[in-house]
């Protein structure tokens, strides 16, 4: 396909899984009615961002793939004739869990999945407690609309990950995300964080000459008990073209559907002008395999 219509779902979430999934499916159907070929849902869209605390009971929400959510979204993809990128808390085995992105093609089949590789461990983002690092590598997922370089949230800060996806033939970079502000942070600090988040991802699009989609959640989610200040998820979901240009942007306070047409053929013309892949000095990059060059 030379051109596709892509949609991002930016929504708030509650503890009610059925309500959250119903909302996601409603947006998927709305996107399909507007001609979308691809719909990207945010990270862990089936519930609240539970990683604000370490709670063993939260593992009860994990599910296998395939499982109930896979089946529900598979039926929705087939019914709506859209490709869906979803995000699940995957139960691989007892005591072994992943933060997993699932790709369902237009016929409802499972095109592939990606397990989050970079796992953060910061105040209010205690993901290492819940998620085992991914073991599927940075491998694009082949679909009816092309090869998708799907990653998840914290992965979006790493240029190495985006580059490896691009080198393996990804035609789009896609990041389901859950990121926000600490409400106690000064406004200027909040703005710096948002600017950094947008800038690093636009840089991935530019450096690799391919479009990028980032779907982030929105709304305030309190921390359980007295474990923190909660998180105000900042939305700002966006679609960027292969020169990092904004094709569509969401706001930072409301639920919304963000759509844009993407011309996949622009990658070829952009890479002819900016041949970054041609001029890479792969003979001189051995130090990248070290943690730090002492």
Protein backbone atom coordinates (compact mmCIF):
# COMPACT_ATOMS: atom_id res chain seq x y z
CA UNK A 1 0.00 0.00 0.00
CA UNK A 2 1.32 3.44 -0.94
CA UNK A 3 -0.92 5.41 1.39
CA UNK A 4 -2.71 4.44 4.57
CA UNK A 5 -4.93 6.20 7.08
CA UNK A 6 -3.67 5.74 10.63
CA UNK A 7 -5.52 6.48 13.87
CA UNK A 8 -4.39 6.82 17.47
CA UNK A 9 -6.74 6.27 20.41
CA UNK A 10 -6.02 8.57 23.36
CA UNK A 11 -8.23 7.68 26.31
CA UNK A 12 -8.48 7.72 30.08
CA UNK A 13 -8.78 4.45 32.00
CA UNK A 14 -10.44 3.21 35.17
CA UNK A 15 -10.38 0.00 37.20
CA UNK A 16 -13.32 -1.28 35.12
CA UNK A 17 -11.74 -3.45 32.41
CA UNK A 18 -14.96 -3.92 30.48
CA UNK A 19 -15.59 -0.18 30.40
CA UNK A 20 -12.06 0.52 29.19
CA UNK A 21 -12.20 -2.06 26.42
CA UNK A 22 -15.67 -0.91 25.38
CA UNK A 23 -14.31 2.61 25.05
CA UNK A 24 -11.34 1.39 22.99
CA UNK A 25 -13.60 -0.62 20.69
CA UNK A 26 -15.88 2.38 20.24
CA UNK A 27 -12.93 4.44 19.06
CA UNK A 28 -11.77 1.63 16.76
CA UNK A 29 -15.16 1.53 15.10
CA UNK A 30 -15.21 5.31 14.79
CA UNK A 31 -11.77 5.24 13.18
CA UNK A 32 -12.89 2.53 10.75
CA UNK A 33 -15.92 4.64 9.81
CA UNK A 34 -13.48 7.45 8.94
CA UNK A 35 -11.47 5.19 6.66
CA UNK A 36 -8.66 4.09 8.98
CA UNK A 37 -6.49 1.16 7.93
CA UNK A 38 -4.55 1.08 11.21
CA UNK A 39 -5.60 1.86 14.80
CA UNK A 40 -3.04 2.12 17.60
CA UNK A 41 -4.18 1.80 21.21
CA UNK A 42 -2.18 3.16 24.15
CA UNK A 43 -0.06 1.13 26.55
CA UNK A 44 -2.03 -1.17 28.91
CA UNK A 45 -5.34 0.30 27.73
CA UNK A 46 -7.39 -2.36 29.52
CA UNK A 47 -6.94 -0.77 32.95
CA UNK A 48 -5.26 1.82 35.10
CA UNK A 49 -1.48 2.14 35.04
CA UNK A 50 -0.99 -0.21 37.99
CA UNK A 51 2.80 0.16 38.10
CA UNK A 52 2.54 3.15 40.44
CA UNK A 53 2.99 0.63 43.26
CA UNK A 54 4.23 -2.93 43.83
CA UNK A 55 1.16 -5.04 44.52
CA UNK A 56 1.19 -8.83 43.97
CA UNK A 57 -2.58 -8.87 43.49
CA UNK A 58 -2.12 -6.90 40.26
CA UNK A 59 -0.73 -10.02 38.59
CA UNK A 60 -4.28 -11.35 38.56
CA UNK A 61 -5.01 -8.96 35.67
CA UNK A 62 -2.45 -10.62 33.38
CA UNK A 63 -3.71 -12.94 30.65
CA UNK A 64 -2.29 -15.29 28.03
CA UNK A 65 -1.99 -14.52 24.34
CA UNK A 66 -4.25 -15.64 22.80
CA UNK A 67 -6.78 -14.99 25.54
CA UNK A 68 -9.97 -13.02 26.25
CA UNK A 69 -8.70 -9.61 25.11
CA UNK A 70 -7.03 -11.09 22.03
CA UNK A 71 -10.30 -12.73 21.03
CA UNK A 72 -12.34 -9.57 21.62
CA UNK A 73 -10.00 -7.32 19.63
CA UNK A 74 -9.54 -9.96 16.92
CA UNK A 75 -13.28 -9.97 16.33
CA UNK A 76 -13.29 -6.17 16.28
CA UNK A 77 -10.46 -6.03 13.73
CA UNK A 78 -12.26 -8.45 11.43
CA UNK A 79 -15.63 -6.76 11.84
CA UNK A 80 -14.19 -3.28 11.22
CA UNK A 81 -11.61 -4.33 8.60
CA UNK A 82 -8.81 -2.47 10.39
CA UNK A 83 -5.40 -3.50 11.67
CA UNK A 84 -5.10 -3.02 15.45
CA UNK A 85 -2.02 -2.53 17.61
CA UNK A 86 -3.06 -3.35 21.18
CA UNK A 87 -1.19 -3.52 24.49
CA UNK A 88 -1.58 -6.32 27.02
CA UNK A 89 -0.24 -7.48 30.38
CA UNK A 90 0.83 -10.90 29.14
CA UNK A 91 0.95 -13.96 31.38
CA UNK A 92 3.47 -16.26 29.74
CA UNK A 93 3.69 -18.69 32.67
CA UNK A 94 3.26 -18.63 36.42
CA UNK A 95 5.63 -15.94 37.67
CA UNK A 96 6.61 -14.85 34.14
CA UNK A 97 4.90 -11.77 32.75
CA UNK A 98 5.54 -9.31 29.92
CA UNK A 99 4.37 -5.88 28.79
CA UNK A 100 3.36 -6.92 25.29
CA UNK A 101 2.14 -5.19 22.14
CA UNK A 102 -0.10 -7.34 19.98
CA UNK A 103 -0.74 -6.78 16.27
CA UNK A 104 -4.02 -8.03 14.82
CA UNK A 105 -4.44 -7.86 11.05
CA UNK A 106 -7.59 -6.81 9.21
CA UNK A 107 -8.86 -10.38 9.00
CA UNK A 108 -8.57 -10.76 12.78
CA UNK A 109 -5.49 -12.97 12.66
CA UNK A 110 -2.54 -12.43 15.01
CA UNK A 111 0.18 -10.93 12.82
CA UNK A 112 2.70 -10.91 15.65
CA UNK A 113 3.65 -9.48 19.00
CA UNK A 114 6.44 -7.49 20.61
CA UNK A 115 7.53 -7.76 24.23
CA UNK A 116 8.78 -4.53 25.78
CA UNK A 117 12.57 -4.63 25.89
CA UNK A 118 13.49 -1.65 28.09
CA UNK A 119 11.82 -1.88 31.51
CA UNK A 120 11.92 1.23 33.73
CA UNK A 121 12.11 1.32 37.51
CA UNK A 122 11.47 4.83 38.77
CA UNK A 123 9.14 6.43 41.34
CA UNK A 124 5.56 5.74 40.17
CA UNK A 125 6.88 3.52 37.33
CA UNK A 126 7.81 0.29 39.10
CA UNK A 127 7.71 -1.87 36.00
CA UNK A 128 10.63 -4.14 36.85
CA UNK A 129 8.47 -5.62 39.60
CA UNK A 130 5.88 -6.74 37.05
CA UNK A 131 7.53 -7.26 33.67
CA UNK A 132 10.27 -9.54 32.43
CA UNK A 133 12.33 -7.86 29.67
CA UNK A 134 11.29 -8.89 26.19
CA UNK A 135 13.04 -11.68 24.32
CA UNK A 136 11.68 -11.22 20.80
CA UNK A 137 14.19 -8.57 19.80
CA UNK A 138 13.58 -5.57 17.56
CA UNK A 139 11.89 -7.41 14.72
CA UNK A 140 9.27 -5.72 12.51
CA UNK A 141 5.91 -7.42 12.24
CA UNK A 142 4.73 -8.16 8.69
CA UNK A 143 1.11 -7.16 8.04
CA UNK A 144 -1.24 -6.46 5.16
CA UNK A 145 -0.24 -2.77 5.21
CA UNK A 146 3.52 -3.27 5.56
CA UNK A 147 6.19 -3.97 8.17
CA UNK A 148 5.47 -2.39 11.54
CA UNK A 149 8.25 -1.54 13.98
CA UNK A 150 6.22 -1.83 17.16
CA UNK A 151 7.79 -0.97 20.52
CA UNK A 152 6.39 0.16 23.89
CA UNK A 153 6.77 3.37 25.91
CA UNK A 154 10.22 3.37 27.58
CA UNK A 155 11.61 1.87 24.36
CA UNK A 156 10.87 5.19 22.68
CA UNK A 157 13.84 6.88 24.38
CA UNK A 158 16.41 4.59 22.76
CA UNK A 159 17.71 5.48 19.28
CA UNK A 160 19.38 2.06 19.06
CA UNK A 161 15.97 0.35 19.19
CA UNK A 162 14.44 2.56 16.50
CA UNK A 163 17.51 2.09 14.31
CA UNK A 164 17.44 -1.69 14.58
CA UNK A 165 13.77 -1.73 13.60
CA UNK A 166 14.54 0.47 10.61
CA UNK A 167 17.52 -1.65 9.57
CA UNK A 168 15.27 -4.71 9.65
CA UNK A 169 12.86 -3.07 7.21
CA UNK A 170 10.23 -1.40 9.41
CA UNK A 171 8.07 1.01 7.41
CA UNK A 172 6.48 2.63 10.48
CA UNK A 173 7.66 3.09 14.06
CA UNK A 174 4.79 2.62 16.54
CA UNK A 175 4.85 3.28 20.29
CA UNK A 176 1.88 2.54 22.59
CA UNK A 177 2.67 4.73 25.61
CA UNK A 178 1.73 5.60 29.20
CA UNK A 179 3.66 8.67 30.30
CA UNK A 180 2.72 11.72 32.30
CA UNK A 181 3.63 14.38 34.79
CA UNK A 182 4.02 14.23 38.54
CA UNK A 183 1.39 16.83 39.53
CA UNK A 184 3.86 18.19 42.10
CA UNK A 185 6.44 19.12 39.45
CA UNK A 186 6.70 22.81 38.47
CA UNK A 187 4.99 23.73 35.21
CA UNK A 188 8.33 24.54 33.54
CA UNK A 189 9.68 21.09 34.44
CA UNK A 190 6.54 19.45 33.10
CA UNK A 191 6.95 21.30 29.81
CA UNK A 192 10.61 20.28 29.56
CA UNK A 193 9.65 16.63 30.00
CA UNK A 194 6.95 16.82 27.34
CA UNK A 195 9.25 18.62 24.91
CA UNK A 196 11.94 15.97 25.44
CA UNK A 197 9.43 13.16 24.82
CA UNK A 198 8.22 14.69 21.57
CA UNK A 199 11.70 15.65 20.39
CA UNK A 200 13.34 12.25 20.88
CA UNK A 201 10.62 10.51 18.90
CA UNK A 202 10.60 13.01 16.06
CA UNK A 203 14.36 12.48 15.94
CA UNK A 204 13.81 8.73 15.44
CA UNK A 205 11.57 9.50 12.45
CA UNK A 206 14.17 11.88 11.01
CA UNK A 207 17.23 9.68 11.63
CA UNK A 208 15.57 6.69 10.00
CA UNK A 209 13.46 8.43 7.37
CA UNK A 210 10.22 6.70 8.35
CA UNK A 211 6.90 7.84 9.89
CA UNK A 212 6.26 7.43 13.60
CA UNK A 213 3.10 7.02 15.68
CA UNK A 214 2.91 7.55 19.45
CA UNK A 215 -0.38 6.82 21.27
CA UNK A 216 -0.40 8.03 24.90
CA UNK A 217 -3.06 7.84 27.58
CA UNK A 218 -4.62 10.93 29.14
CA UNK A 219 -6.15 11.93 32.49
CA UNK A 220 -5.20 11.79 36.16
CA UNK A 221 -4.73 8.45 37.90
CA UNK A 222 -4.19 8.62 41.68
CA UNK A 223 -1.51 6.56 43.36
CA UNK A 224 -2.90 3.72 45.50
CA UNK A 225 -2.86 4.46 49.22
CA UNK A 226 -0.14 6.95 50.10
CA UNK A 227 2.41 5.73 47.56
CA UNK A 228 2.81 8.96 45.63
CA UNK A 229 1.22 11.98 44.01
CA UNK A 230 -0.43 10.07 41.20
CA UNK A 231 0.22 10.68 37.51
CA UNK A 232 -1.39 13.14 35.13
CA UNK A 233 -0.95 11.43 31.80
CA UNK A 234 -0.20 14.15 29.30
CA UNK A 235 -1.76 12.81 26.11
CA UNK A 236 -0.18 14.70 23.20
CA UNK A 237 -0.38 11.60 21.02
CA UNK A 238 0.98 12.37 17.57
CA UNK A 239 1.78 11.10 14.10
CA UNK A 240 4.98 12.32 12.47
CA UNK A 241 6.13 11.96 8.88
CA UNK A 242 9.47 10.69 7.66
CA UNK A 243 11.13 14.08 8.18
CA UNK A 244 9.72 14.36 11.69
CA UNK A 245 6.98 16.75 10.59
CA UNK A 246 3.72 16.66 12.52
CA UNK A 247 0.90 15.09 10.53
CA UNK A 248 -1.58 15.03 13.43
CA UNK A 249 -1.47 15.90 17.13
CA UNK A 250 -3.70 15.37 20.14
CA UNK A 251 -4.17 17.67 23.11
CA UNK A 252 -3.10 17.05 26.71
CA UNK A 253 -6.41 17.02 28.57
CA UNK A 254 -9.07 15.11 26.66
CA UNK A 255 -9.88 11.75 25.17
CA UNK A 256 -9.76 11.84 21.40
CA UNK A 257 -9.14 10.05 18.14
CA UNK A 258 -6.19 11.35 16.11
CA UNK A 259 -6.12 10.48 12.40
CA UNK A 260 -3.86 11.19 9.46
CA UNK A 261 -3.09 9.88 6.02
CA UNK A 262 0.48 8.60 5.73
CA UNK A 263 2.31 8.35 2.41
CA UNK A 264 4.62 5.35 2.78
CA UNK A 265 6.37 6.18 -0.49
CA UNK A 266 7.93 9.32 1.02
CA UNK A 267 10.50 7.17 2.80
CA UNK A 268 12.18 6.41 -0.51
CA UNK A 269 12.40 10.06 -1.59
CA UNK A 270 13.46 11.29 1.86
CA UNK A 271 16.22 8.72 2.17
CA UNK A 272 17.56 9.74 -1.24
CA UNK A 273 17.96 13.30 0.05
CA UNK A 274 19.18 12.35 3.52
CA UNK A 275 21.00 9.01 3.05
CA UNK A 276 21.78 8.41 6.72
CA UNK A 277 21.76 4.65 6.29
CA UNK A 278 24.26 4.86 3.43
CA UNK A 279 26.74 6.99 5.38
CA UNK A 280 26.72 5.09 8.65
CA UNK A 281 30.25 4.17 9.77
CA UNK A 282 29.41 0.66 10.93
CA UNK A 283 33.13 -0.12 11.14
CA UNK A 284 33.53 2.47 13.93
CA UNK A 285 30.52 1.77 16.16
CA UNK A 286 31.83 -1.16 18.19
CA UNK A 287 31.73 0.92 21.35
CA UNK A 288 27.93 0.88 21.25
CA UNK A 289 28.08 -2.69 22.52
CA UNK A 290 29.66 -1.49 25.76
CA UNK A 291 27.70 -0.20 28.77
CA UNK A 292 30.08 2.74 29.05
CA UNK A 293 33.49 3.62 27.60
CA UNK A 294 35.65 4.05 30.69
